[in-house]
Amino acid sequence: MNAEQFPRPLPHPTEISAPHWNGAQSRKLMVQRCNACTRYVFIPRRVCPHCLADALQWVQSSGRGKIYSYTIIHRAPDPSFQVPYCAAIVELEEGWHMMTNIVGAEMSAIAVDLPVVVDYLDVGEMTLPVFKLSTSP
């Protein structure tokens, strides 16, 4: 898929978020973890929001989780979005949450607590982590 086939706005990586996006290009779901309190941090930050330590490191997530919450979008925010699509919050098995899209499933098949696994969508030079329903719990 190229940028012309995917006209939606894309993320703009920053110095802080670049390791997450670089990981996605390598098919790795990267997340920050605090060395002081051991909690995961997402969205990327300079300091841990839990303990305020600046001891964050990038680690690879398993990419496995479950649907925590979701909504099916039927009315596009602008004409570049194809509807319907699923916007979801996924709870990863490590305990952190990520807003994403559920892809490759009938909208009627999506439900809270269903297992999901990370997948990747290449859009031009950008790779987006998305999730698909998993056949294993």
N, C-alpha and C. Protein backbone atom coordinates (compact mmCIF):
# COMPACT_ATOMS: atom_id res chain seq x y z
N MET A 1 0.85 -1.17 0.00
CA MET A 1 0.00 0.00 0.00
C MET A 1 0.90 1.23 0.00
N ASN A 2 0.57 2.19 -0.83
CA ASN A 2 1.38 3.41 -0.86
C ASN A 2 0.58 4.57 -0.28
N ALA A 3 1.22 5.71 -0.15
CA ALA A 3 0.59 6.87 0.47
C ALA A 3 -0.64 7.34 -0.30
N GLU A 4 -0.67 7.16 -1.64
CA GLU A 4 -1.83 7.56 -2.41
C GLU A 4 -3.04 6.68 -2.08
N GLN A 5 -2.79 5.40 -1.76
CA GLN A 5 -3.88 4.49 -1.42
C GLN A 5 -4.30 4.65 0.05
N PHE A 6 -3.53 5.37 0.81
CA PHE A 6 -3.80 5.57 2.23
C PHE A 6 -3.66 7.06 2.53
N PRO A 7 -4.66 7.85 2.12
CA PRO A 7 -4.51 9.30 2.22
C PRO A 7 -4.72 9.87 3.62
N ARG A 8 -5.04 9.03 4.59
CA ARG A 8 -5.27 9.55 5.94
C ARG A 8 -4.01 10.19 6.51
N PRO A 9 -4.19 11.08 7.47
CA PRO A 9 -3.02 11.67 8.14
C PRO A 9 -2.18 10.59 8.81
N LEU A 10 -0.88 10.71 8.72
CA LEU A 10 0.03 9.75 9.33
C LEU A 10 0.74 10.39 10.52
N PRO A 11 1.24 9.59 11.45
CA PRO A 11 1.98 10.13 12.59
C PRO A 11 3.26 10.84 12.13
N HIS A 12 3.70 11.76 12.94
CA HIS A 12 4.96 12.46 12.71
C HIS A 12 5.90 12.09 13.86
N PRO A 13 6.80 11.13 13.66
CA PRO A 13 7.72 10.74 14.75
C PRO A 13 8.52 11.92 15.25
N THR A 14 8.73 11.91 16.55
CA THR A 14 9.56 12.92 17.20
C THR A 14 10.82 12.25 17.72
N GLU A 15 11.71 13.02 18.27
CA GLU A 15 12.92 12.45 18.87
C GLU A 15 12.55 11.43 19.95
N ILE A 16 11.52 11.72 20.71
CA ILE A 16 11.11 10.82 21.80
C ILE A 16 10.43 9.56 21.27
N SER A 17 9.59 9.69 20.24
CA SER A 17 8.82 8.54 19.75
C SER A 17 9.52 7.75 18.64
N ALA A 18 10.63 8.24 18.12
CA ALA A 18 11.31 7.58 17.00
C ALA A 18 11.61 6.10 17.25
N PRO A 19 12.06 5.68 18.44
CA PRO A 19 12.32 4.24 18.64
C PRO A 19 11.07 3.37 18.46
N HIS A 20 9.91 3.89 18.80
CA HIS A 20 8.67 3.15 18.60
C HIS A 20 8.42 2.95 17.10
N TRP A 21 8.55 4.01 16.33
CA TRP A 21 8.29 3.94 14.88
C TRP A 21 9.38 3.17 14.15
N ASN A 22 10.62 3.31 14.57
CA ASN A 22 11.70 2.52 13.97
C ASN A 22 11.48 1.03 14.24
N GLY A 23 11.02 0.71 15.43
CA GLY A 23 10.71 -0.68 15.77
C GLY A 23 9.62 -1.22 14.87
N ALA A 24 8.59 -0.42 14.62
CA ALA A 24 7.49 -0.86 13.76
C ALA A 24 8.01 -1.19 12.36
N GLN A 25 8.94 -0.40 11.86
CA GLN A 25 9.49 -0.69 10.53
C GLN A 25 10.22 -2.03 10.52
N SER A 26 10.75 -2.43 11.68
CA SER A 26 11.45 -3.72 11.82
C SER A 26 10.51 -4.82 12.30
N ARG A 27 9.19 -4.52 12.32
CA ARG A 27 8.19 -5.49 12.78
C ARG A 27 8.37 -5.87 14.25
N LYS A 28 8.72 -4.85 15.04
CA LYS A 28 8.84 -5.03 16.49
C LYS A 28 7.99 -3.96 17.16
N LEU A 29 7.19 -4.35 18.15
CA LEU A 29 6.37 -3.41 18.90
C LEU A 29 7.18 -2.95 20.10
N MET A 30 7.70 -1.74 20.01
CA MET A 30 8.58 -1.21 21.06
C MET A 30 7.80 -0.29 22.00
N VAL A 31 8.13 -0.40 23.28
CA VAL A 31 7.48 0.38 24.32
C VAL A 31 8.54 0.76 25.35
N GLN A 32 8.31 1.86 26.05
CA GLN A 32 9.23 2.26 27.11
C GLN A 32 8.88 1.52 28.40
N ARG A 33 9.94 1.22 29.16
CA ARG A 33 9.77 0.61 30.49
C ARG A 33 10.68 1.37 31.44
N CYS A 34 10.15 1.67 32.62
CA CYS A 34 10.90 2.43 33.61
C CYS A 34 11.81 1.50 34.40
N ASN A 35 13.08 1.83 34.45
CA ASN A 35 14.03 1.03 35.23
C ASN A 35 13.85 1.22 36.73
N ALA A 36 13.23 2.33 37.13
CA ALA A 36 13.04 2.61 38.56
C ALA A 36 11.84 1.87 39.13
N CYS A 37 10.68 1.97 38.49
CA CYS A 37 9.47 1.35 39.04
C CYS A 37 9.01 0.14 38.24
N THR A 38 9.67 -0.16 37.14
CA THR A 38 9.42 -1.31 36.24
C THR A 38 8.08 -1.26 35.49
N ARG A 39 7.40 -0.12 35.51
CA ARG A 39 6.13 -0.02 34.80
C ARG A 39 6.37 0.38 33.34
N TYR A 40 5.42 0.00 32.50
CA TYR A 40 5.49 0.35 31.08
C TYR A 40 4.91 1.74 30.87
N VAL A 41 5.44 2.42 29.87
CA VAL A 41 5.03 3.79 29.58
C VAL A 41 4.69 3.90 28.10
N PHE A 42 3.45 4.23 27.82
CA PHE A 42 3.03 4.50 26.46
C PHE A 42 1.90 5.51 26.55
N ILE A 43 2.05 6.62 26.03
CA ILE A 43 2.77 7.12 24.89
C ILE A 43 4.20 7.51 25.32
N PRO A 44 5.13 7.51 24.36
CA PRO A 44 6.52 7.80 24.72
C PRO A 44 6.68 9.15 25.41
N ARG A 45 7.54 9.16 26.43
CA ARG A 45 7.79 10.37 27.23
C ARG A 45 9.25 10.44 27.64
N ARG A 46 9.61 11.57 28.19
CA ARG A 46 10.98 11.75 28.70
C ARG A 46 11.13 11.21 30.13
N VAL A 47 10.04 11.27 30.90
CA VAL A 47 10.08 10.77 32.28
C VAL A 47 8.89 9.85 32.53
N CYS A 48 9.04 8.98 33.48
CA CYS A 48 7.98 8.04 33.84
C CYS A 48 6.82 8.80 34.50
N PRO A 49 5.60 8.64 33.99
CA PRO A 49 4.47 9.32 34.61
C PRO A 49 4.05 8.70 35.94
N HIS A 50 4.58 7.51 36.25
CA HIS A 50 4.22 6.82 37.48
C HIS A 50 5.09 7.24 38.65
N CYS A 51 6.41 7.37 38.41
CA CYS A 51 7.33 7.68 39.52
C CYS A 51 8.21 8.89 39.23
N LEU A 52 8.10 9.48 38.06
CA LEU A 52 8.84 10.67 37.62
C LEU A 52 10.34 10.43 37.42
N ALA A 53 10.76 9.19 37.38
CA ALA A 53 12.17 8.89 37.09
C ALA A 53 12.43 9.11 35.61
N ASP A 54 13.67 9.45 35.30
CA ASP A 54 14.04 9.62 33.90
C ASP A 54 14.81 8.41 33.39
N ALA A 55 14.54 7.26 33.98
CA ALA A 55 15.26 6.02 33.67
C ALA A 55 14.44 5.13 32.75
N LEU A 56 13.99 5.67 31.63
CA LEU A 56 13.18 4.90 30.70
C LEU A 56 14.06 4.23 29.65
N GLN A 57 13.74 2.98 29.36
CA GLN A 57 14.45 2.27 28.29
C GLN A 57 13.43 1.68 27.34
N TRP A 58 13.84 1.43 26.12
CA TRP A 58 12.97 0.83 25.12
C TRP A 58 13.12 -0.69 25.16
N VAL A 59 11.98 -1.38 25.23
CA VAL A 59 11.96 -2.84 25.22
C VAL A 59 10.93 -3.32 24.21
N GLN A 60 11.07 -4.55 23.78
CA GLN A 60 10.13 -5.11 22.82
C GLN A 60 8.96 -5.75 23.55
N SER A 61 7.76 -5.40 23.13
CA SER A 61 6.55 -6.00 23.67
C SER A 61 6.27 -7.32 22.96
N SER A 62 5.52 -8.17 23.59
CA SER A 62 5.14 -9.44 22.96
C SER A 62 4.24 -9.21 21.76
N GLY A 63 3.48 -8.11 21.77
CA GLY A 63 2.54 -7.85 20.69
C GLY A 63 1.24 -8.63 20.83
N ARG A 64 1.07 -9.32 21.95
CA ARG A 64 -0.15 -10.08 22.21
C ARG A 64 -0.96 -9.37 23.29
N GLY A 65 -2.27 -9.39 23.12
CA GLY A 65 -3.11 -8.75 24.12
C GLY A 65 -4.57 -9.06 23.88
N LYS A 66 -5.42 -8.16 24.36
CA LYS A 66 -6.86 -8.33 24.18
C LYS A 66 -7.49 -6.96 23.96
N ILE A 67 -8.66 -6.99 23.36
CA ILE A 67 -9.39 -5.74 23.14
C ILE A 67 -9.94 -5.26 24.47
N TYR A 68 -9.51 -4.08 24.88
CA TYR A 68 -9.95 -3.47 26.14
C TYR A 68 -11.23 -2.66 25.92
N SER A 69 -11.26 -1.94 24.80
CA SER A 69 -12.41 -1.13 24.43
C SER A 69 -12.32 -0.88 22.93
N TYR A 70 -13.46 -0.60 22.31
CA TYR A 70 -13.44 -0.33 20.88
C TYR A 70 -14.69 0.43 20.46
N THR A 71 -14.62 0.99 19.30
CA THR A 71 -15.79 1.58 18.67
C THR A 71 -15.68 1.36 17.17
N ILE A 72 -16.81 1.17 16.53
CA ILE A 72 -16.84 1.04 15.08
C ILE A 72 -17.23 2.41 14.53
N ILE A 73 -16.37 2.94 13.70
CA ILE A 73 -16.60 4.27 13.11
C ILE A 73 -17.38 4.08 11.81
N HIS A 74 -18.55 4.70 11.74
CA HIS A 74 -19.37 4.62 10.54
C HIS A 74 -19.42 5.95 9.79
N ARG A 75 -19.01 7.01 10.47
CA ARG A 75 -19.02 8.34 9.86
C ARG A 75 -17.60 8.88 9.91
N ALA A 76 -16.99 8.98 8.77
CA ALA A 76 -15.58 9.36 8.69
C ALA A 76 -15.35 10.80 9.16
N PRO A 77 -14.22 11.03 9.86
CA PRO A 77 -13.91 12.39 10.29
C PRO A 77 -13.59 13.31 9.10
N ASP A 78 -13.14 12.71 7.99
CA ASP A 78 -12.98 13.44 6.74
C ASP A 78 -13.01 12.42 5.60
N PRO A 79 -13.13 12.85 4.38
CA PRO A 79 -13.33 11.92 3.27
C PRO A 79 -12.17 10.95 3.01
N SER A 80 -11.02 11.17 3.60
CA SER A 80 -9.89 10.27 3.36
C SER A 80 -9.99 8.96 4.13
N PHE A 81 -10.94 8.84 5.06
CA PHE A 81 -11.12 7.61 5.83
C PHE A 81 -12.16 6.73 5.16
N GLN A 82 -11.86 5.44 5.07
CA GLN A 82 -12.83 4.48 4.55
C GLN A 82 -13.58 3.88 5.73
N VAL A 83 -14.88 3.94 5.70
CA VAL A 83 -15.69 3.40 6.79
C VAL A 83 -16.41 2.15 6.32
N PRO A 84 -16.81 1.29 7.22
CA PRO A 84 -16.54 1.35 8.65
C PRO A 84 -15.11 0.89 8.97
N TYR A 85 -14.60 1.36 10.11
CA TYR A 85 -13.33 0.86 10.63
C TYR A 85 -13.41 0.82 12.14
N CYS A 86 -12.51 0.06 12.73
CA CYS A 86 -12.53 -0.14 14.18
C CYS A 86 -11.36 0.58 14.84
N ALA A 87 -11.69 1.52 15.71
CA ALA A 87 -10.69 2.16 16.57
C ALA A 87 -10.79 1.45 17.92
N ALA A 88 -9.65 1.03 18.45
CA ALA A 88 -9.67 0.22 19.67
C ALA A 88 -8.55 0.61 20.62
N ILE A 89 -8.77 0.28 21.87
CA ILE A 89 -7.70 0.31 22.86
C ILE A 89 -7.39 -1.16 23.15
N VAL A 90 -6.14 -1.51 22.94
CA VAL A 90 -5.69 -2.88 23.19
C VAL A 90 -4.89 -2.89 24.48
N GLU A 91 -5.18 -3.86 25.34
CA GLU A 91 -4.39 -4.08 26.55
C GLU A 91 -3.39 -5.19 26.25
N LEU A 92 -2.11 -4.82 26.22
CA LEU A 92 -1.07 -5.80 25.93
C LEU A 92 -0.85 -6.69 27.14
N GLU A 93 -0.32 -7.89 26.90
CA GLU A 93 -0.16 -8.85 28.00
C GLU A 93 0.79 -8.33 29.08
N GLU A 94 1.63 -7.34 28.76
CA GLU A 94 2.51 -6.75 29.78
C GLU A 94 1.77 -5.74 30.65
N GLY A 95 0.52 -5.41 30.28
CA GLY A 95 -0.29 -4.53 31.12
C GLY A 95 -0.44 -3.10 30.62
N TRP A 96 0.20 -2.74 29.54
CA TRP A 96 0.06 -1.37 29.02
C TRP A 96 -1.01 -1.33 27.94
N HIS A 97 -1.50 -0.13 27.64
CA HIS A 97 -2.59 0.06 26.69
C HIS A 97 -2.12 0.89 25.50
N MET A 98 -2.69 0.57 24.34
CA MET A 98 -2.33 1.28 23.11
C MET A 98 -3.59 1.50 22.28
N MET A 99 -3.77 2.72 21.80
CA MET A 99 -4.86 2.99 20.87
C MET A 99 -4.39 2.60 19.48
N THR A 100 -5.26 1.93 18.72
CA THR A 100 -4.88 1.35 17.45
C THR A 100 -6.12 1.07 16.62
N ASN A 101 -5.93 0.32 15.56
CA ASN A 101 -7.04 -0.17 14.74
C ASN A 101 -7.03 -1.69 14.74
N ILE A 102 -8.21 -2.27 14.69
CA ILE A 102 -8.35 -3.71 14.49
C ILE A 102 -8.62 -3.89 13.00
N VAL A 103 -7.81 -4.73 12.36
CA VAL A 103 -7.91 -4.91 10.91
C VAL A 103 -8.18 -6.38 10.58
N GLY A 104 -8.67 -6.59 9.36
CA GLY A 104 -8.83 -7.95 8.86
C GLY A 104 -9.95 -8.74 9.47
N ALA A 105 -10.92 -8.07 10.08
CA ALA A 105 -12.03 -8.79 10.72
C ALA A 105 -13.34 -8.13 10.32
N GLU A 106 -14.38 -8.93 10.29
CA GLU A 106 -15.71 -8.37 10.12
C GLU A 106 -16.00 -7.51 11.36
N MET A 107 -16.58 -6.36 11.16
CA MET A 107 -16.85 -5.47 12.29
C MET A 107 -17.75 -6.15 13.33
N SER A 108 -18.65 -7.00 12.89
CA SER A 108 -19.56 -7.69 13.82
C SER A 108 -18.84 -8.75 14.65
N ALA A 109 -17.63 -9.14 14.26
CA ALA A 109 -16.88 -10.16 15.00
C ALA A 109 -16.03 -9.57 16.13
N ILE A 110 -15.92 -8.26 16.19
CA ILE A 110 -15.06 -7.61 17.18
C ILE A 110 -15.82 -7.46 18.49
N ALA A 111 -15.14 -7.78 19.60
CA ALA A 111 -15.76 -7.68 20.92
C ALA A 111 -14.69 -7.46 21.98
N VAL A 112 -15.08 -6.89 23.09
CA VAL A 112 -14.19 -6.69 24.23
C VAL A 112 -13.68 -8.05 24.70
N ASP A 113 -12.43 -8.08 25.11
CA ASP A 113 -11.74 -9.25 25.66
C ASP A 113 -11.29 -10.28 24.62
N LEU A 114 -11.57 -10.06 23.34
CA LEU A 114 -11.07 -11.00 22.33
C LEU A 114 -9.56 -10.87 22.23
N PRO A 115 -8.85 -11.98 22.07
CA PRO A 115 -7.39 -11.91 21.92
C PRO A 115 -7.00 -11.32 20.57
N VAL A 116 -5.94 -10.53 20.60
CA VAL A 116 -5.41 -9.90 19.39
C VAL A 116 -3.90 -10.05 19.36
N VAL A 117 -3.35 -9.85 18.17
CA VAL A 117 -1.91 -9.89 17.98
C VAL A 117 -1.54 -8.75 17.05
N VAL A 118 -0.37 -8.19 17.28
CA VAL A 118 0.07 -7.06 16.46
C VAL A 118 0.32 -7.50 15.02
N ASP A 119 0.04 -6.61 14.12
CA ASP A 119 0.34 -6.78 12.71
C ASP A 119 0.86 -5.43 12.25
N TYR A 120 1.34 -5.34 11.03
CA TYR A 120 1.94 -4.09 10.58
C TYR A 120 1.41 -3.72 9.22
N LEU A 121 1.15 -2.43 9.05
CA LEU A 121 0.64 -1.89 7.81
C LEU A 121 1.67 -0.92 7.25
N ASP A 122 2.24 -1.25 6.11
CA ASP A 122 3.21 -0.38 5.46
C ASP A 122 2.47 0.66 4.63
N VAL A 123 2.76 1.91 4.91
CA VAL A 123 2.13 3.02 4.20
C VAL A 123 3.24 3.95 3.73
N GLY A 124 3.63 3.80 2.48
CA GLY A 124 4.77 4.57 1.99
C GLY A 124 6.00 4.20 2.79
N GLU A 125 6.65 5.21 3.36
CA GLU A 125 7.85 4.98 4.17
C GLU A 125 7.52 4.73 5.63
N MET A 126 6.25 4.75 5.98
CA MET A 126 5.82 4.60 7.37
C MET A 126 5.25 3.20 7.58
N THR A 127 5.48 2.63 8.75
CA THR A 127 4.89 1.36 9.14
C THR A 127 4.07 1.58 10.40
N LEU A 128 2.80 1.21 10.34
CA LEU A 128 1.88 1.41 11.46
C LEU A 128 1.59 0.09 12.15
N PRO A 129 1.74 0.03 13.48
CA PRO A 129 1.31 -1.17 14.19
C PRO A 129 -0.21 -1.16 14.31
N VAL A 130 -0.84 -2.21 13.85
CA VAL A 130 -2.27 -2.41 13.96
C VAL A 130 -2.46 -3.80 14.58
N PHE A 131 -3.68 -4.16 14.89
CA PHE A 131 -3.91 -5.46 15.51
C PHE A 131 -4.95 -6.24 14.74
N LYS A 132 -4.82 -7.56 14.77
CA LYS A 132 -5.80 -8.46 14.18
C LYS A 132 -6.23 -9.46 15.24
N LEU A 133 -7.41 -10.01 15.04
CA LEU A 133 -7.91 -11.02 15.97
C LEU A 133 -6.97 -12.21 15.95
N SER A 134 -6.72 -12.79 17.12
CA SER A 134 -5.82 -13.91 17.25
C SER A 134 -6.62 -15.20 17.39
N THR A 135 -6.10 -16.26 16.86
CA THR A 135 -6.76 -17.55 16.99
C THR A 135 -6.38 -18.25 18.29
N SER A 136 -5.34 -17.74 18.97
CA SER A 136 -4.94 -18.35 20.25
C SER A 136 -5.23 -17.36 21.37
N PRO A 137 -5.67 -17.84 22.53
CA PRO A 137 -6.00 -16.95 23.65
C PRO A 137 -4.81 -16.27 24.26
